Amino acid sequence: MDIGKLPNKVLEDLVISSIKNRREEVIERAAVGKDCAIIDYGDKYCVLSSDPITGAEKNLGKIAVNVACNDIAAGGAEPVALLITILAPPETTQETIRNIMSEANEASSEINVEIVGGHTEITNAVNRIVLSMTAVGIKDKKNVLEDVREGDCVLMTKLSGMEGSTIIAEEKEEELLKAGFTPKELGEAKDYLNYLSVVKEGTICASVGVKYMHDITEGGVEGAVWEASKALGMGIEINEDEIPVADVTKKLCRYFSIDYLKLISSGSMLVISSKENLGPIKEKLELNGIAVTMIGEIKGEKVSFISDGKSREVNQPESDELYKVV
């Protein structure tokens, strides 16, 4: 099979369809386009999510913490705790483990989430470090997302391809400098590492009132939109020309012949809101220094991206573009 997370159809056939047992406390369970599970815990909801980091070798601790907590934020919850699992090959040094934990501690302090346990193991079952995070969040029961309707607005925070850009700039720095990229350009791409959290926008959007949130990870913007459409059972029309992307990301993608719309984009959140709430959401996000762009609307039955007046249908995402590079 191709490298990367399983295609959604295969995921449904082999994994999700195999889950048979049900508990009445589980109110949000495994499904395509769902970032986390939600469990009824009496006065509150417990929100859970798990993610591995396999496409990067540098900045593992920081990336892993942000990616795990982003899923919790997309569920409209506050991240509270993390379980971290480190599987490392025999040649791994103690200093490498120390650095990963230092990065993870720094990132968790910024988000105010505690690392409460996990597992660390040296094993020949992997040929490079695999870092997996399980995040736990708390959500008020009154904070329930509304039903999405035809004509609702599709928003996107920050920029497309940020996580992919920072990983590529770190992993391929020597090659890129020789190819004519400037230290300033690579510095800009690397700096996206500091903007990979969507916890703040998730909290803000939940407080103002949105209908759906989905953090944009593997498969990029196209993948996230397709997964959202699948989860909602509704079509989405995207104005491709409105999707925000930095010049350095475009340049990196041109050099490696990859598509930034299909590049892993942690740090960006897909948000669906009513037209009436659009103004307050944009105002609150921008007051907190978070850029947000309206990129489309809920429309029809399919996922379509429109550019220069031409429409193209988008189907389920394939392997992320990052795996063509690193």
Protein backbone atom coordinates (compact mmCIF):
# COMPACT_ATOMS: atom_id res chain seq x y z
CA MET A 1 0.00 0.00 0.00
CA ASP A 2 1.02 3.64 -0.43
CA ILE A 3 2.87 5.42 2.36
CA GLY A 4 0.67 7.64 4.52
CA LYS A 5 -2.61 7.24 6.35
CA LEU A 6 -5.01 4.76 4.80
CA PRO A 7 -7.28 6.11 2.06
CA ASN A 8 -10.68 6.81 3.57
CA LYS A 9 -12.46 4.04 1.66
CA VAL A 10 -9.88 1.49 2.84
CA LEU A 11 -10.05 2.92 6.36
CA GLU A 12 -13.81 2.45 6.41
CA ASP A 13 -13.65 -1.07 4.93
CA LEU A 14 -10.80 -2.47 7.04
CA VAL A 15 -10.89 -0.50 10.28
CA ILE A 16 -14.05 1.45 11.04
CA SER A 17 -16.45 -1.25 9.79
CA SER A 18 -14.69 -3.77 12.07
CA ILE A 19 -15.67 -1.84 15.20
CA LYS A 20 -18.89 -3.52 16.32
CA ASN A 21 -19.32 -3.02 20.05
CA ARG A 22 -21.14 0.12 21.18
CA ARG A 23 -21.45 1.94 24.50
CA GLU A 24 -24.26 4.38 25.21
CA GLU A 25 -21.78 6.82 26.82
CA VAL A 26 -20.04 7.31 23.44
CA ILE A 27 -21.80 10.13 21.60
CA GLU A 28 -19.19 10.74 18.86
CA ARG A 29 -17.36 7.69 17.53
CA ALA A 30 -14.90 6.70 14.80
CA ALA A 31 -15.80 8.10 11.36
CA VAL A 32 -14.14 9.82 8.41
CA GLY A 33 -13.98 13.57 8.99
CA LYS A 34 -14.31 13.24 12.77
CA ASP A 35 -11.20 14.49 14.57
CA CYS A 36 -12.02 13.01 17.96
CA ALA A 37 -14.27 10.79 20.02
CA ILE A 38 -16.64 12.30 22.58
CA ILE A 39 -17.77 10.46 25.69
CA ASP A 40 -20.50 11.49 28.13
CA TYR A 41 -18.92 11.88 31.57
CA GLY A 42 -21.86 13.23 33.52
CA ASP A 43 -21.55 16.99 33.87
CA LYS A 44 -18.96 17.24 31.08
CA TYR A 45 -17.93 15.60 27.84
CA CYS A 46 -14.56 13.83 27.65
CA VAL A 47 -12.93 14.36 24.23
CA LEU A 48 -10.22 11.97 22.99
CA SER A 49 -7.86 11.82 20.02
CA SER A 50 -4.66 10.05 19.01
CA ASP A 51 -2.05 10.90 16.36
CA PRO A 52 1.41 9.64 15.34
CA ILE A 53 4.18 11.71 13.80
CA THR A 54 5.93 9.77 11.04
CA GLY A 55 6.76 12.33 8.33
CA ALA A 56 9.30 14.39 10.30
CA GLU A 57 12.59 13.68 12.05
CA LYS A 58 13.22 17.14 13.51
CA ASN A 59 11.07 19.08 16.02
CA LEU A 60 9.17 15.88 16.81
CA GLY A 61 8.12 16.84 20.33
CA LYS A 62 6.64 20.20 19.38
CA ILE A 63 4.87 18.95 16.27
CA ALA A 64 3.37 15.95 18.10
CA VAL A 65 1.93 18.00 20.97
CA ASN A 66 0.36 20.54 18.62
CA VAL A 67 -1.11 17.97 16.23
CA ALA A 68 -2.70 15.96 19.05
CA CYS A 69 -4.17 19.00 20.79
CA ASN A 70 -5.44 20.43 17.49
CA ASP A 71 -7.88 17.53 17.15
CA ILE A 72 -9.26 18.25 20.61
CA ALA A 73 -9.66 21.93 19.72
CA ALA A 74 -11.50 20.98 16.52
CA GLY A 75 -14.01 19.22 18.76
CA GLY A 76 -14.62 22.50 20.60
CA ALA A 77 -12.88 21.25 23.75
CA GLU A 78 -9.99 22.35 25.96
CA PRO A 79 -6.95 20.01 25.87
CA VAL A 80 -6.09 18.88 29.40
CA ALA A 81 -3.75 15.88 29.26
CA LEU A 82 -1.43 13.97 26.93
CA LEU A 83 -0.08 10.43 26.81
CA ILE A 84 3.12 10.17 24.79
CA THR A 85 4.52 6.98 23.22
CA ILE A 86 8.06 6.99 21.82
CA LEU A 87 9.26 4.04 19.71
CA ALA A 88 12.93 4.53 18.82
CA PRO A 89 15.48 2.41 16.89
CA PRO A 90 18.56 1.02 18.71
CA GLU A 91 20.92 3.74 17.43
CA THR A 92 18.90 6.46 19.19
CA THR A 93 20.89 8.39 21.80
CA GLN A 94 19.75 9.49 25.24
CA GLU A 95 20.25 13.08 24.11
CA THR A 96 17.72 12.60 21.30
CA ILE A 97 15.09 11.35 23.76
CA ARG A 98 15.93 14.25 26.08
CA ASN A 99 15.47 16.75 23.22
CA ILE A 100 12.10 15.28 22.22
CA MET A 101 10.82 15.56 25.77
CA SER A 102 12.19 19.09 26.11
CA GLU A 103 10.35 20.15 22.95
CA ALA A 104 7.17 18.40 24.08
CA ASN A 105 7.35 20.06 27.49
CA GLU A 106 7.82 23.49 25.92
CA ALA A 107 4.88 23.03 23.56
CA SER A 108 2.61 21.62 26.27
CA SER A 109 3.43 24.58 28.53
CA GLU A 110 2.40 26.99 25.77
CA ILE A 111 -0.97 25.23 25.39
CA ASN A 112 -1.35 24.54 29.14
CA VAL A 113 -1.78 20.79 28.75
CA GLU A 114 -0.04 18.22 30.99
CA ILE A 115 1.90 15.15 29.85
CA VAL A 116 0.54 12.56 32.28
CA GLY A 117 2.15 9.35 31.06
CA GLY A 118 2.84 7.09 28.12
CA HIS A 119 5.52 4.63 27.04
CA THR A 120 9.12 4.91 25.79
CA GLU A 121 10.82 1.96 24.10
CA ILE A 122 13.93 1.16 22.07
CA THR A 123 13.00 -1.37 19.39
CA ASN A 124 14.26 -2.72 16.08
CA ALA A 125 10.64 -2.75 14.87
CA VAL A 126 11.16 0.83 13.59
CA ASN A 127 13.98 2.35 11.52
CA ARG A 128 13.41 5.89 12.81
CA ILE A 129 11.60 7.42 15.74
CA VAL A 130 7.82 7.12 15.76
CA LEU A 131 6.12 9.47 18.20
CA SER A 132 2.44 9.01 19.05
CA MET A 133 0.27 11.25 21.22
CA THR A 134 -3.11 10.61 22.80
CA ALA A 135 -4.84 13.80 23.89
CA VAL A 136 -7.67 14.19 26.40
CA GLY A 137 -9.92 17.24 26.57
CA ILE A 138 -12.92 18.56 28.48
CA LYS A 139 -15.98 20.09 26.88
CA ASP A 140 -19.08 21.74 28.37
CA LYS A 141 -22.29 20.04 27.41
CA LYS A 142 -23.81 23.35 26.38
CA ASN A 143 -21.05 23.73 23.78
CA VAL A 144 -22.75 21.61 21.09
CA LEU A 145 -22.21 22.27 17.39
CA GLU A 146 -25.32 23.11 15.34
CA ASP A 147 -26.56 21.39 12.20
CA VAL A 148 -24.84 22.49 8.99
CA ARG A 149 -27.14 23.83 6.27
CA GLU A 150 -26.95 24.72 2.58
CA GLY A 151 -25.41 28.17 2.17
CA ASP A 152 -23.30 28.08 5.34
CA CYS A 153 -19.84 29.63 5.01
CA VAL A 154 -16.59 27.67 4.86
CA LEU A 155 -13.65 29.44 6.49
CA MET A 156 -9.97 28.65 6.85
CA THR A 157 -7.53 30.03 9.41
CA LYS A 158 -3.91 30.99 8.69
CA LEU A 159 -2.16 29.50 5.63
CA SER A 160 -2.16 26.34 3.55
CA GLY A 161 0.79 23.95 3.84
CA MET A 162 2.44 25.36 6.95
CA GLU A 163 3.40 22.05 8.57
CA GLY A 164 4.58 20.62 5.26
CA SER A 165 6.65 23.73 4.58
CA THR A 166 8.42 23.68 7.94
CA ILE A 167 9.19 19.95 7.70
CA ILE A 168 10.53 20.26 4.14
CA ALA A 169 12.64 23.30 5.03
CA GLU A 170 14.18 21.46 7.99
CA GLU A 171 14.70 18.07 6.34
CA LYS A 172 15.91 19.36 2.94
CA GLU A 173 17.73 22.53 3.99
CA GLU A 174 21.11 21.67 2.45
CA GLU A 175 19.58 20.71 -0.91
CA LEU A 176 17.37 23.80 -0.96
CA LEU A 177 20.22 26.21 -0.23
CA LYS A 178 22.21 24.68 -3.10
CA ALA A 179 19.13 25.08 -5.33
CA GLY A 180 19.02 28.84 -4.69
CA PHE A 181 16.60 29.18 -1.79
CA THR A 182 17.72 31.96 0.54
CA PRO A 183 18.29 31.54 4.30
CA LYS A 184 15.50 34.11 4.78
CA GLU A 185 13.02 32.00 2.80
CA LEU A 186 13.90 28.82 4.66
CA GLY A 187 13.79 30.73 7.95
CA GLU A 188 10.24 31.84 7.15
CA ALA A 189 9.19 28.27 6.39
CA LYS A 190 10.86 26.92 9.53
CA ASP A 191 9.14 29.58 11.64
CA TYR A 192 5.75 28.06 10.80
CA LEU A 193 6.67 25.52 13.50
CA ASN A 194 5.57 28.18 15.99
CA TYR A 195 2.11 28.48 14.44
CA LEU A 196 1.01 24.84 14.25
CA SER A 197 -1.49 25.04 17.11
CA VAL A 198 -5.18 25.69 16.43
CA VAL A 199 -6.17 25.48 20.08
CA LYS A 200 -6.74 29.23 20.34
CA GLU A 201 -8.97 29.46 17.25
CA GLY A 202 -10.83 26.32 18.30
CA THR A 203 -11.59 27.85 21.69
CA ILE A 204 -12.62 31.19 20.15
CA CYS A 205 -14.84 29.62 17.49
CA ALA A 206 -16.52 27.38 20.06
CA SER A 207 -17.25 30.37 22.29
CA VAL A 208 -18.64 32.52 19.47
CA GLY A 209 -20.59 29.66 17.92
CA VAL A 210 -19.71 27.64 14.81
CA LYS A 211 -21.29 24.56 13.24
CA TYR A 212 -18.26 22.39 12.43
CA MET A 213 -14.47 22.42 12.80
CA HIS A 214 -11.81 20.17 11.29
CA ASP A 215 -8.07 20.73 11.54
CA ILE A 216 -6.28 20.52 8.21
CA THR A 217 -3.68 17.75 8.43
CA GLU A 218 -2.66 14.96 6.02
CA GLY A 219 -4.10 15.51 2.57
CA GLY A 220 -4.03 19.29 3.01
CA VAL A 221 -6.94 21.59 2.21
CA GLU A 222 -8.38 19.27 -0.43
CA GLY A 223 -8.30 16.33 1.94
CA ALA A 224 -9.86 18.28 4.81
CA VAL A 225 -12.68 19.60 2.65
CA TRP A 226 -13.42 16.14 1.27
CA GLU A 227 -13.42 14.63 4.78
CA ALA A 228 -15.71 17.41 6.02
CA SER A 229 -18.11 16.74 3.16
CA LYS A 230 -18.05 13.03 3.96
CA ALA A 231 -18.70 13.64 7.67
CA LEU A 232 -21.54 16.08 7.01
CA GLY A 233 -23.11 14.24 4.08
CA MET A 234 -23.24 17.51 2.13
CA GLY A 235 -21.48 19.09 -0.83
CA ILE A 236 -18.91 21.86 -0.50
CA GLU A 237 -17.89 24.41 -3.13
CA ILE A 238 -14.47 26.02 -2.66
CA ASN A 239 -13.08 29.10 -4.39
CA GLU A 240 -9.55 27.84 -4.93
CA ASP A 241 -8.24 31.32 -5.72
CA GLU A 242 -9.20 32.47 -2.19
CA ILE A 243 -7.18 29.80 -0.36
CA PRO A 244 -4.37 31.62 1.49
CA VAL A 245 -0.84 30.34 0.89
CA ALA A 246 2.59 31.89 1.42
CA ASP A 247 4.97 32.55 -1.48
CA VAL A 248 7.65 30.37 0.13
CA THR A 249 5.23 27.44 0.28
CA LYS A 250 4.39 27.89 -3.39
CA LYS A 251 8.10 28.01 -4.22
CA LEU A 252 8.87 24.85 -2.23
CA CYS A 253 6.01 23.04 -3.92
CA ARG A 254 7.12 24.15 -7.39
CA TYR A 255 10.67 22.94 -6.69
CA PHE A 256 9.53 19.49 -5.58
CA SER A 257 6.62 19.31 -8.09
CA ILE A 258 3.99 18.86 -5.40
CA ASP A 259 0.59 20.48 -4.79
CA TYR A 260 0.23 22.76 -1.76
CA LEU A 261 -3.51 22.04 -1.70
CA LYS A 262 -2.66 18.41 -0.85
CA LEU A 263 0.19 19.18 1.58
CA ILE A 264 -0.14 18.52 5.31
CA SER A 265 -1.35 21.76 6.88
CA SER A 266 -1.50 21.52 10.68
CA GLY A 267 -1.92 25.02 12.09
CA SER A 268 -4.91 25.73 9.85
CA MET A 269 -8.51 25.05 10.84
CA LEU A 270 -11.46 24.45 8.54
CA VAL A 271 -14.50 26.16 10.07
CA ILE A 272 -18.14 26.12 8.99
CA SER A 273 -20.37 28.94 10.18
CA SER A 274 -23.74 30.47 9.44
CA LYS A 275 -23.65 33.69 7.42
CA GLU A 276 -25.08 35.53 10.44
CA ASN A 277 -22.13 34.51 12.62
CA LEU A 278 -19.46 35.20 10.02
CA GLY A 279 -18.80 38.77 11.15
CA PRO A 280 -18.41 38.04 14.88
CA ILE A 281 -16.15 35.03 14.20
CA LYS A 282 -13.83 36.97 11.90
CA GLU A 283 -13.73 39.92 14.28
CA LYS A 284 -12.87 37.80 17.34
CA LEU A 285 -10.22 35.77 15.51
CA GLU A 286 -8.54 38.81 14.00
CA LEU A 287 -8.55 40.60 17.37
CA ASN A 288 -6.52 37.64 18.63
CA GLY A 289 -4.07 37.85 15.74
CA ILE A 290 -5.46 34.89 13.81
CA ALA A 291 -5.98 35.41 10.09
CA VAL A 292 -9.16 33.87 8.68
CA THR A 293 -10.41 33.66 5.10
CA MET A 294 -13.77 32.70 3.66
CA ILE A 295 -12.97 30.11 0.98
CA GLY A 296 -16.35 28.63 0.08
CA GLU A 297 -19.81 27.49 1.08
CA ILE A 298 -21.94 24.43 1.68
CA LYS A 299 -23.51 23.75 -1.69
CA GLY A 300 -24.80 20.81 -3.71
CA GLU A 301 -23.82 17.20 -3.16
CA LYS A 302 -20.20 17.03 -4.34
CA VAL A 303 -16.86 18.62 -3.45
CA SER A 304 -15.80 21.08 -6.12
CA PHE A 305 -12.92 23.55 -6.35
CA ILE A 306 -13.37 26.54 -8.66
CA SER A 307 -10.45 28.47 -10.17
CA ASP A 308 -10.57 31.04 -12.96
CA GLY A 309 -14.22 30.20 -13.47
CA LYS A 310 -13.50 26.50 -14.05
CA SER A 311 -14.84 23.84 -11.68
CA ARG A 312 -13.21 20.51 -10.88
CA GLU A 313 -14.56 17.73 -8.71
CA VAL A 314 -12.38 16.56 -5.80
CA ASN A 315 -12.47 12.93 -4.73
CA GLN A 316 -11.08 11.22 -1.66
CA PRO A 317 -7.48 12.21 -0.87
CA GLU A 318 -4.51 10.02 -1.69
CA SER A 319 -1.16 9.89 0.13
CA ASP A 320 -0.01 13.30 1.36
CA GLU A 321 2.37 15.23 -0.90
CA LEU A 322 4.93 15.38 1.92
CA TYR A 323 5.81 11.70 1.41
CA LYS A 324 7.03 12.51 -2.11
CA VAL A 325 9.72 14.70 -0.54
CA VAL A 326 10.84 13.25 2.81
